Amino acid sequence: MSRKVIIAPGQSIWDIAIQEGGSIEYVQELLLQNSEKLPNLDADLVAGDFLLVSADPVDKEVKAEFDALYSNLGVKPAKAAQRVA
């Protein structure tokens, strides 16, 4: 069964692969499940939109570690960098 993952500001397909699959290898699953939104690896993600995920994480241990960190700090992985003054 698929579930929706909301895209956070600045997230890339690689960030969501780590967040949901515990590995960049999860990109394949994201591409397969979201072929209309992600026709290729360079597709732009829109914050607030969602991606479908259905497969088990590639690395359950890493996924569990990220989940614990994110829930404690309230953050998500995001590649986008902003200049801080």
Protein backbone atom coordinates (compact mmCIF):
# COMPACT_ATOMS: atom_id res chain seq x y z
CA MET A 1 0.00 0.00 0.00
CA SER A 2 1.34 3.42 -0.94
CA ARG A 3 1.55 6.38 1.36
CA LYS A 4 2.15 10.06 0.67
CA VAL A 5 5.30 11.88 1.69
CA ILE A 6 5.08 15.67 1.71
CA ILE A 7 8.04 17.41 0.08
CA ALA A 8 9.72 19.93 2.39
CA PRO A 9 11.26 23.17 1.07
CA GLY A 10 14.63 22.54 -0.56
CA GLN A 11 14.29 18.77 -0.76
CA SER A 12 15.58 16.82 -3.73
CA ILE A 13 14.81 13.28 -4.83
CA TRP A 14 18.08 12.28 -3.14
CA ASP A 15 16.98 13.81 0.18
CA ILE A 16 13.68 11.95 0.09
CA ALA A 17 15.48 8.71 -0.79
CA ILE A 18 17.58 9.05 2.37
CA GLN A 19 14.59 10.16 4.46
CA GLU A 20 12.27 7.36 3.36
CA GLY A 21 14.60 4.58 2.27
CA GLY A 22 17.71 5.09 4.35
CA SER A 23 19.81 5.02 1.17
CA ILE A 24 20.20 6.79 -2.15
CA GLU A 25 19.40 3.44 -3.76
CA TYR A 26 15.77 4.21 -2.86
CA VAL A 27 15.73 6.74 -5.71
CA GLN A 28 14.74 3.89 -8.04
CA GLU A 29 11.62 3.21 -6.00
CA LEU A 30 10.71 6.91 -6.00
CA LEU A 31 11.11 7.11 -9.78
CA LEU A 32 8.98 4.01 -10.33
CA GLN A 33 6.20 5.12 -7.98
CA ASN A 34 6.13 8.72 -9.21
CA SER A 35 6.91 8.55 -12.93
CA GLU A 36 4.53 11.39 -13.82
CA LYS A 37 6.06 13.81 -11.30
CA LEU A 38 9.59 12.47 -11.66
CA PRO A 39 10.27 11.76 -15.34
CA ASN A 40 14.02 11.90 -14.63
CA LEU A 41 16.57 12.53 -11.90
CA ASP A 42 16.67 16.27 -12.69
CA ALA A 43 12.95 16.84 -12.12
CA ASP A 44 12.24 19.75 -9.77
CA LEU A 45 10.29 18.95 -6.64
CA VAL A 46 7.70 21.40 -5.37
CA ALA A 47 7.53 22.04 -1.63
CA GLY A 48 4.12 21.07 -0.27
CA ASP A 49 3.52 18.56 -3.06
CA PHE A 50 3.76 14.85 -2.32
CA LEU A 51 5.44 11.71 -3.58
CA LEU A 52 4.13 8.18 -3.18
CA VAL A 53 6.25 5.59 -1.40
CA SER A 54 5.41 1.95 -0.95
CA ALA A 55 8.54 -0.16 -0.63
CA ASP A 56 10.36 -1.06 2.54
CA PRO A 57 13.47 0.99 3.25
CA VAL A 58 16.68 -0.20 1.63
CA ASP A 59 18.50 0.22 4.95
CA LYS A 60 16.10 -0.08 7.88
CA GLU A 61 18.78 0.75 10.45
CA VAL A 62 19.73 4.04 8.77
CA LYS A 63 16.04 4.88 8.27
CA ALA A 64 15.39 4.31 11.98
CA GLU A 65 18.35 6.54 12.93
CA PHE A 66 17.13 9.33 10.64
CA ASP A 67 13.57 9.00 11.96
CA ALA A 68 14.82 9.36 15.54
CA LEU A 69 16.91 12.42 14.63
CA TYR A 70 14.15 14.10 12.63
CA SER A 71 11.49 13.56 15.27
CA ASN A 72 13.76 14.95 18.01
CA LEU A 73 14.93 17.98 16.06
CA GLY A 74 11.94 18.53 13.78
CA VAL A 75 14.10 18.67 10.64
CA LYS A 76 14.24 16.87 7.28
CA PRO A 77 17.17 16.41 4.91
CA ALA A 78 17.32 19.18 2.30
CA LYS A 79 20.14 19.97 -0.09
CA ALA A 80 19.17 23.58 -0.71
CA ALA A 81 21.47 26.04 0.93
CA GLN A 82 20.67 29.60 1.79
CA ARG A 83 23.19 32.28 2.58
CA VAL A 84 23.07 33.26 6.20
CA ALA A 85 24.03 36.84 6.98
